[in-house]
C-alpha atoms as a PDB file:
ATOM      1  CA  MET A   1      -6.023 -15.621  -9.406  1.00  0.00           C
ATOM      2  CA  ARG A   2      -8.658 -13.996  -7.189  1.00  0.00           C
ATOM      3  CA  ASP A   3      -9.658 -17.426  -5.862  1.00  0.00           C
ATOM      4  CA  LYS A   4      -6.037 -18.110  -4.946  1.00  0.00           C
ATOM      5  CA  LEU A   5      -5.703 -14.799  -3.123  1.00  0.00           C
ATOM      6  CA  ASP A   6      -9.002 -15.330  -1.297  1.00  0.00           C
ATOM      7  CA  ALA A   7      -7.699 -18.710  -0.119  1.00  0.00           C
ATOM      8  CA  MET A   8      -4.806 -16.921   1.596  1.00  0.00           C
ATOM      9  CA  ARG A   9      -7.109 -14.807   3.740  1.00  0.00           C
ATOM     10  CA  GLY A  10      -6.917 -15.762   7.402  1.00  0.00           C
ATOM     11  CA  LYS A  11      -3.586 -17.551   7.153  1.00  0.00           C
ATOM     12  CA  ARG A  12      -0.761 -16.545   9.483  1.00  0.00           C
ATOM     13  CA  ALA A  13       2.816 -15.844   8.440  1.00  0.00           C
ATOM     14  CA  LEU A  14       6.094 -15.258  10.265  1.00  0.00           C
ATOM     15  CA  ILE A  15       8.512 -12.930   8.457  1.00  0.00           C
ATOM     16  CA  THR A  16      12.080 -12.285   9.572  1.00  0.00           C
ATOM     17  CA  GLY A  17      13.963  -9.157   8.583  1.00  0.00           C
ATOM     18  CA  ALA A  18      10.599  -7.421   8.297  1.00  0.00           C
ATOM     19  CA  SER A  19      11.649  -3.886   9.231  1.00  0.00           C
ATOM     20  CA  ALA A  20      12.936  -3.013   5.743  1.00  0.00           C
ATOM     21  CA  GLY A  21      13.535  -4.204   2.203  1.00  0.00           C
ATOM     22  CA  ILE A  22      12.169  -7.547   1.062  1.00  0.00           C
ATOM     23  CA  GLY A  23      10.754  -8.378   4.483  1.00  0.00           C
ATOM     24  CA  ARG A  24       8.821  -5.116   4.687  1.00  0.00           C
ATOM     25  CA  ALA A  25       7.481  -5.457   1.140  1.00  0.00           C
ATOM     26  CA  SER A  26       6.471  -9.074   1.785  1.00  0.00           C
ATOM     27  CA  ALA A  27       4.670  -8.135   4.998  1.00  0.00           C
ATOM     28  CA  ILE A  28       2.626  -5.423   3.325  1.00  0.00           C
ATOM     29  CA  SER A  29       1.845  -7.592   0.300  1.00  0.00           C
ATOM     30  CA  LEU A  30       0.674 -10.510   2.439  1.00  0.00           C
ATOM     31  CA  ALA A  31      -1.367  -8.159   4.635  1.00  0.00           C
ATOM     32  CA  GLU A  32      -3.140  -6.935   1.503  1.00  0.00           C
ATOM     33  CA  CYS A  33      -4.114 -10.582   0.912  1.00  0.00           C
ATOM     34  CA  GLY A  34      -5.603 -10.865   4.403  1.00  0.00           C
ATOM     35  CA  VAL A  35      -2.712 -12.796   5.957  1.00  0.00           C
ATOM     36  CA  HIS A  36      -2.181 -12.232   9.693  1.00  0.00           C
ATOM     37  CA  LEU A  37       1.444 -11.628  10.622  1.00  0.00           C
ATOM     38  CA  VAL A  38       4.201 -12.140  13.145  1.00  0.00           C
ATOM     39  CA  LEU A  39       7.003  -9.742  12.218  1.00  0.00           C
ATOM     40  CA  THR A  40      10.531  -9.515  13.519  1.00  0.00           C
ATOM     41  CA  GLY A  41      13.564  -7.336  12.885  1.00  0.00           C
ATOM     42  CA  ARG A  42      16.261  -5.539  14.836  1.00  0.00           C
ATOM     43  CA  LYS A  43      15.073  -1.954  14.254  1.00  0.00           C
ATOM     44  CA  VAL A  44      12.301  -1.271  16.753  1.00  0.00           C
ATOM     45  CA  ALA A  45      10.803   1.919  15.318  1.00  0.00           C
ATOM     46  CA  GLU A  46      10.947   0.726  11.714  1.00  0.00           C
ATOM     47  CA  LEU A  47       9.429  -2.639  12.644  1.00  0.00           C
ATOM     48  CA  GLU A  48       6.520  -1.030  14.468  1.00  0.00           C
ATOM     49  CA  ALA A  49       5.910   1.299  11.509  1.00  0.00           C
ATOM     50  CA  VAL A  50       5.626  -1.703   9.179  1.00  0.00           C
ATOM     51  CA  ALA A  51       3.394  -3.491  11.673  1.00  0.00           C
ATOM     52  CA  GLN A  52       1.040  -0.515  11.864  1.00  0.00           C
ATOM     53  CA  GLU A  53       0.901  -0.203   8.083  1.00  0.00           C
ATOM     54  CA  CYS A  54      -0.135  -3.852   7.940  1.00  0.00           C
ATOM     55  CA  ARG A  55      -2.701  -3.425  10.731  1.00  0.00           C
ATOM     56  CA  ASP A  56      -4.239  -0.586   8.758  1.00  0.00           C
ATOM     57  CA  LYS A  57      -5.023  -3.167   6.085  1.00  0.00           C
ATOM     58  CA  GLY A  58      -7.215  -5.059   8.523  1.00  0.00           C
ATOM     59  CA  VAL A  59      -5.004  -7.918   9.689  1.00  0.00           C
ATOM     60  CA  ASN A  60      -3.690  -8.899  13.101  1.00  0.00           C
ATOM     61  CA  VAL A  61       0.014  -8.227  13.588  1.00  0.00           C
ATOM     62  CA  VAL A  62       2.438  -9.149  16.360  1.00  0.00           C
ATOM     63  CA  ALA A  63       5.778  -7.330  16.146  1.00  0.00           C
ATOM     64  CA  LEU A  64       8.723  -8.729  18.109  1.00  0.00           C
ATOM     65  CA  ALA A  65      11.952  -6.792  17.774  1.00  0.00           C
ATOM     66  CA  GLY A  66      15.123  -8.776  18.418  1.00  0.00           C
ATOM     67  CA  ASP A  67      18.293 -10.348  17.081  1.00  0.00           C
ATOM     68  CA  LEU A  68      18.146 -13.832  15.570  1.00  0.00           C
ATOM     69  CA  ASN A  69      21.661 -14.425  16.881  1.00  0.00           C
ATOM     70  CA  ASP A  70      20.120 -14.363  20.365  1.00  0.00           C
ATOM     71  CA  LYS A  71      19.048 -17.957  20.976  1.00  0.00           C
ATOM     72  CA  PRO A  72      16.521 -17.230  23.773  1.00  0.00           C
ATOM     73  CA  PHE A  73      14.880 -14.672  21.483  1.00  0.00           C
ATOM     74  CA  VAL A  74      14.662 -17.258  18.694  1.00  0.00           C
ATOM     75  CA  ARG A  75      12.844 -19.636  21.051  1.00  0.00           C
ATOM     76  CA  GLN A  76      10.449 -16.847  22.083  1.00  0.00           C
ATOM     77  CA  LEU A  77       9.786 -15.906  18.461  1.00  0.00           C
ATOM     78  CA  ALA A  78       9.135 -19.487  17.361  1.00  0.00           C
ATOM     79  CA  LYS A  79       6.786 -20.011  20.308  1.00  0.00           C
ATOM     80  CA  THR A  80       4.858 -16.846  19.440  1.00  0.00           C
ATOM     81  CA  ALA A  81       4.554 -18.006  15.820  1.00  0.00           C
ATOM     82  CA  HIS A  82       3.874 -21.650  16.662  1.00  0.00           C
ATOM     83  CA  ASP A  83       0.721 -21.671  14.543  1.00  0.00           C
ATOM     84  CA  ALA A  84       2.194 -19.899  11.494  1.00  0.00           C
ATOM     85  CA  ASP A  85       1.094 -21.415   8.199  1.00  0.00           C
ATOM     86  CA  VAL A  86       3.888 -19.633   6.327  1.00  0.00           C
ATOM     87  CA  PHE A  87       7.464 -18.760   7.265  1.00  0.00           C
ATOM     88  CA  VAL A  88       9.301 -16.181   5.124  1.00  0.00           C
ATOM     89  CA  ASN A  89      12.935 -16.755   6.053  1.00  0.00           C
ATOM     90  CA  ASN A  90      14.379 -13.463   4.896  1.00  0.00           C
ATOM     91  CA  ALA A  91      16.735 -11.928   7.491  1.00  0.00           C
ATOM     92  CA  GLY A  92      20.328 -11.453   6.430  1.00  0.00           C
ATOM     93  CA  ILE A  93      23.239  -9.041   6.275  1.00  0.00           C
ATOM     94  CA  LEU A  94      25.601  -8.112   3.477  1.00  0.00           C
ATOM     95  CA  TYR A  95      29.135  -6.753   3.227  1.00  0.00           C
ATOM     96  CA  TYR A  96      30.772  -6.216  -0.159  1.00  0.00           C
ATOM     97  CA  ALA A  97      34.552  -6.086  -0.560  1.00  0.00           C
ATOM     98  CA  PRO A  98      37.350  -7.810  -2.472  1.00  0.00           C
ATOM     99  CA  ILE A  99      38.432 -11.030  -0.744  1.00  0.00           C
ATOM    100  CA  LEU A 100      41.731  -9.639   0.498  1.00  0.00           C
ATOM    101  CA  ASP A 101      40.030  -6.585   1.952  1.00  0.00           C
ATOM    102  CA  MET A 102      37.229  -8.456   3.736  1.00  0.00           C
ATOM    103  CA  PRO A 103      37.943  -8.582   7.495  1.00  0.00           C
ATOM    104  CA  VAL A 104      37.469 -11.968   9.088  1.00  0.00           C
ATOM    105  CA  GLU A 105      35.101 -10.307  11.568  1.00  0.00           C
ATOM    106  CA  GLU A 106      32.714  -9.331   8.760  1.00  0.00           C
ATOM    107  CA  CYS A 107      32.900 -12.865   7.380  1.00  0.00           C
ATOM    108  CA  GLU A 108      32.005 -14.206  10.818  1.00  0.00           C
ATOM    109  CA  GLN A 109      29.089 -11.791  11.139  1.00  0.00           C
ATOM    110  CA  MET A 110      27.627 -12.839   7.797  1.00  0.00           C
ATOM    111  CA  PHE A 111      27.908 -16.537   8.587  1.00  0.00           C
ATOM    112  CA  ALA A 112      26.463 -16.018  12.077  1.00  0.00           C
ATOM    113  CA  THR A 113      23.373 -14.200  10.792  1.00  0.00           C
ATOM    114  CA  ASN A 114      22.877 -15.591   7.291  1.00  0.00           C
ATOM    115  CA  VAL A 115      23.684 -19.228   8.068  1.00  0.00           C
ATOM    116  CA  ILE A 116      23.690 -20.159  11.772  1.00  0.00           C
ATOM    117  CA  ALA A 117      20.778 -17.928  12.828  1.00  0.00           C
ATOM    118  CA  CYS A 118      18.906 -18.901   9.672  1.00  0.00           C
ATOM    119  CA  TYR A 119      19.263 -22.573  10.549  1.00  0.00           C
ATOM    120  CA  ASP A 120      18.290 -21.972  14.161  1.00  0.00           C
ATOM    121  CA  ILE A 121      14.989 -20.216  13.459  1.00  0.00           C
ATOM    122  CA  SER A 122      14.220 -22.539  10.536  1.00  0.00           C
ATOM    123  CA  ARG A 123      14.642 -25.598  12.729  1.00  0.00           C
ATOM    124  CA  GLU A 124      12.469 -24.149  15.484  1.00  0.00           C
ATOM    125  CA  VAL A 125       9.682 -23.173  13.086  1.00  0.00           C
ATOM    126  CA  ALA A 126       9.869 -26.493  11.257  1.00  0.00           C
ATOM    127  CA  GLN A 127       9.363 -28.419  14.487  1.00  0.00           C
ATOM    128  CA  HIS A 128       6.094 -26.585  15.109  1.00  0.00           C
ATOM    129  CA  MET A 129       4.958 -27.143  11.523  1.00  0.00           C
ATOM    130  CA  VAL A 130       5.706 -30.864  11.699  1.00  0.00           C
ATOM    131  CA  ALA A 131       3.830 -31.118  15.001  1.00  0.00           C
ATOM    132  CA  ARG A 132       0.818 -29.336  13.459  1.00  0.00           C
ATOM    133  CA  GLY A 133       0.890 -31.490  10.322  1.00  0.00           C
ATOM    134  CA  GLY A 134       1.957 -28.959   7.704  1.00  0.00           C
ATOM    135  CA  GLY A 135       3.182 -25.533   6.704  1.00  0.00           C
ATOM    136  CA  HIS A 136       5.106 -23.622   4.074  1.00  0.00           C
ATOM    137  CA  MET A 137       8.691 -22.397   4.469  1.00  0.00           C
ATOM    138  CA  ILE A 138      10.022 -19.812   2.017  1.00  0.00           C
ATOM    139  CA  PHE A 139      13.781 -19.309   1.971  1.00  0.00           C
ATOM    140  CA  ILE A 140      14.951 -16.023   0.440  1.00  0.00           C
ATOM    141  CA  THR A 141      18.392 -16.773  -0.988  1.00  0.00           C
ATOM    142  CA  SER A 142      20.028 -14.933  -3.892  1.00  0.00           C
ATOM    143  CA  GLY A 143      21.340 -15.261  -7.398  1.00  0.00           C
ATOM    144  CA  SER A 144      24.651 -15.474  -5.551  1.00  0.00           C
ATOM    145  CA  ALA A 145      23.541 -18.924  -4.422  1.00  0.00           C
ATOM    146  CA  ARG A 146      23.928 -20.000  -8.055  1.00  0.00           C
ATOM    147  CA  SER A 147      27.059 -18.129  -9.102  1.00  0.00           C
ATOM    148  CA  VAL A 148      29.860 -16.274  -7.364  1.00  0.00           C
ATOM    149  CA  GLY A 149      30.613 -12.710  -8.389  1.00  0.00           C
ATOM    150  CA  MET A 150      33.489 -10.438  -7.581  1.00  0.00           C
ATOM    151  CA  HIS A 151      33.362  -8.561  -4.280  1.00  0.00           C
ATOM    152  CA  ALA A 152      30.576 -10.763  -2.880  1.00  0.00           C
ATOM    153  CA  VAL A 153      32.401 -14.040  -2.310  1.00  0.00           C
ATOM    154  CA  VAL A 154      31.598 -14.424   1.381  1.00  0.00           C
ATOM    155  CA  TYR A 155      27.984 -13.367   0.887  1.00  0.00           C
ATOM    156  CA  ALA A 156      27.697 -15.896  -1.946  1.00  0.00           C
ATOM    157  CA  ALA A 157      29.090 -18.597   0.322  1.00  0.00           C
ATOM    158  CA  THR A 158      26.412 -17.868   2.912  1.00  0.00           C
ATOM    159  CA  LYS A 159      23.664 -17.942   0.297  1.00  0.00           C
ATOM    160  CA  HIS A 160      24.974 -21.228  -1.110  1.00  0.00           C
ATOM    161  CA  ALA A 161      24.530 -22.568   2.434  1.00  0.00           C
ATOM    162  CA  VAL A 162      20.980 -21.212   2.741  1.00  0.00           C
ATOM    163  CA  SER A 163      20.118 -22.731  -0.627  1.00  0.00           C
ATOM    164  CA  ALA A 164      21.366 -26.069   0.691  1.00  0.00           C
ATOM    165  CA  PHE A 165      19.128 -25.632   3.734  1.00  0.00           C
ATOM    166  CA  ALA A 166      16.137 -25.036   1.466  1.00  0.00           C
ATOM    167  CA  LYS A 167      16.840 -28.183  -0.517  1.00  0.00           C
ATOM    168  CA  GLY A 168      17.532 -30.212   2.615  1.00  0.00           C
ATOM    169  CA  PHE A 169      14.452 -29.066   4.525  1.00  0.00           C
ATOM    170  CA  ARG A 170      12.378 -29.850   1.425  1.00  0.00           C
ATOM    171  CA  LEU A 171      13.766 -33.391   1.251  1.00  0.00           C
ATOM    172  CA  GLU A 172      13.346 -34.168   4.922  1.00  0.00           C
ATOM    173  CA  LEU A 173      10.025 -32.452   5.628  1.00  0.00           C
ATOM    174  CA  LYS A 174       8.057 -33.413   2.521  1.00  0.00           C
ATOM    175  CA  SER A 175       6.619 -36.464   4.259  1.00  0.00           C
ATOM    176  CA  ALA A 176       5.402 -34.200   7.082  1.00  0.00           C
ATOM    177  CA  ASN A 177       3.390 -32.075   4.620  1.00  0.00           C
ATOM    178  CA  VAL A 178       5.746 -29.103   4.972  1.00  0.00           C
ATOM    179  CA  ARG A 179       6.323 -27.324   1.656  1.00  0.00           C
ATOM    180  CA  VAL A 180       9.593 -25.520   1.014  1.00  0.00           C
ATOM    181  CA  THR A 181      10.148 -22.832  -1.609  1.00  0.00           C
ATOM    182  CA  GLU A 182      13.415 -21.104  -2.470  1.00  0.00           C
ATOM    183  CA  LEU A 183      13.346 -17.615  -4.009  1.00  0.00           C
ATOM    184  CA  ALA A 184      16.719 -16.564  -5.418  1.00  0.00           C
ATOM    185  CA  PRO A 185      16.481 -12.967  -6.699  1.00  0.00           C
ATOM    186  CA  GLY A 186      19.293 -11.071  -8.366  1.00  0.00           C
ATOM    187  CA  MET A 187      20.467  -7.734  -7.021  1.00  0.00           C
ATOM    188  CA  VAL A 188      17.659  -6.014  -5.151  1.00  0.00           C
ATOM    189  CA  ASP A 189      17.459  -2.287  -4.470  1.00  0.00           C
ATOM    190  CA  THR A 190      17.295  -2.239  -0.659  1.00  0.00           C
ATOM    191  CA  ASP A 191      18.944  -0.323   2.171  1.00  0.00           C
ATOM    192  CA  MET A 192      21.494  -3.122   2.500  1.00  0.00           C
ATOM    193  CA  ARG A 193      23.340  -1.648  -0.477  1.00  0.00           C
ATOM    194  CA  LYS A 194      23.572   1.806   1.097  1.00  0.00           C
ATOM    195  CA  GLY A 195      26.370   0.705   3.413  1.00  0.00           C
ATOM    196  CA  ILE A 196      28.723  -0.102   0.553  1.00  0.00           C
ATOM    197  CA  THR A 197      31.792   2.158   0.723  1.00  0.00           C
ATOM    198  CA  HIS A 198      34.653   0.244  -0.890  1.00  0.00           C
ATOM    199  CA  PRO A 199      35.711   2.227  -3.992  1.00  0.00           C
ATOM    200  CA  GLU A 200      36.280  -0.860  -6.169  1.00  0.00           C
ATOM    201  CA  VAL A 201      32.821  -2.163  -5.326  1.00  0.00           C
ATOM    202  CA  LEU A 202      31.143   1.174  -5.972  1.00  0.00           C
ATOM    203  CA  LYS A 203      32.923   1.443  -9.330  1.00  0.00           C
ATOM    204  CA  ALA A 204      31.848  -2.079 -10.311  1.00  0.00           C
ATOM    205  CA  LEU A 205      28.231  -1.463  -9.321  1.00  0.00           C
ATOM    206  CA  ALA A 206      28.115   1.803 -11.245  1.00  0.00           C
ATOM    207  CA  ALA A 207      29.393   0.030 -14.367  1.00  0.00           C
ATOM    208  CA  ARG A 208      26.651  -2.606 -14.369  1.00  0.00           C
ATOM    209  CA  PRO A 209      24.445  -2.281 -17.473  1.00  0.00           C
ATOM    210  CA  PHE A 210      21.267  -3.217 -15.614  1.00  0.00           C
ATOM    211  CA  LYS A 211      19.251  -1.859 -12.725  1.00  0.00           C
ATOM    212  CA  PRO A 212      18.478  -3.857  -9.569  1.00  0.00           C
ATOM    213  CA  ILE A 213      14.983  -5.206  -9.121  1.00  0.00           C
ATOM    214  CA  SER A 214      12.763  -3.825  -6.366  1.00  0.00           C
ATOM    215  CA  ALA A 215      11.850  -5.374  -3.037  1.00  0.00           C
ATOM    216  CA  GLN A 216       8.265  -5.336  -4.266  1.00  0.00           C
ATOM    217  CA  ASP A 217       9.246  -7.589  -7.175  1.00  0.00           C
ATOM    218  CA  VAL A 218      10.484 -10.185  -4.698  1.00  0.00           C
ATOM    219  CA  ALA A 219       7.405  -9.733  -2.506  1.00  0.00           C
ATOM    220  CA  ALA A 220       5.263 -10.537  -5.545  1.00  0.00           C
ATOM    221  CA  GLY A 221       7.168 -13.818  -5.766  1.00  0.00           C
ATOM    222  CA  VAL A 222       6.411 -14.522  -2.117  1.00  0.00           C
ATOM    223  CA  VAL A 223       2.687 -13.924  -2.670  1.00  0.00           C
ATOM    224  CA  TYR A 224       2.730 -16.145  -5.753  1.00  0.00           C
ATOM    225  CA  ALA A 225       4.486 -18.949  -3.863  1.00  0.00           C
ATOM    226  CA  VAL A 226       2.032 -18.783  -0.969  1.00  0.00           C
ATOM    227  CA  SER A 227      -0.987 -18.689  -3.290  1.00  0.00           C
ATOM    228  CA  CYS A 228       0.064 -21.704  -5.356  1.00  0.00           C
ATOM    229  CA  LYS A 229      -0.803 -25.236  -4.381  1.00  0.00           C
ATOM    230  CA  HIS A 230       2.651 -26.431  -5.406  1.00  0.00           C
ATOM    231  CA  SER A 231       6.035 -24.614  -5.573  1.00  0.00           C
END
């Protein structure tokens, strides 16, 4: 395992949604393996705090705060990370509510960020990887990409779409030496869940007989995927 981790040292990774949760944990974990980073997220102060924590581990870090729904920003980000060996495609938003209580506006927001913006940055990064002759794309989806649960129907629909992207990018980019990994964790204990207010959803979550996994658990999966020759 040590040989695998040593082989990661000096690589460069782009991580979206890096200011908190899975993105933050993945950034710190990769920094501990000597991976240089390009980090992005919408929260400026939080993003810079993560970047500094990673710098303290001895790696180079570029932090670009911005919104992946902003197409000029996506182009700037992809250009900055043009030489990234690894892309952790993690950014996303989540609203929980019963179908009939979910405003169309929240549905639109989830599809805009989780699907359209995801495709946009993935396509931009993939073009650079193909031009350079290789790379590794890691799509963070969800257990909701495999099954649909109550109160998360729209979120599940977006993650089904991202899962399809992962499979499709893998099929089309394999000949260009671009690897694609999909990580589909179950419920993860991140700040995304703190915004849940619907009483039916809160009641259902409280009744679950299991605890959510941690962001660090998912980050360990990211490190494993990057360290393996095949995934």
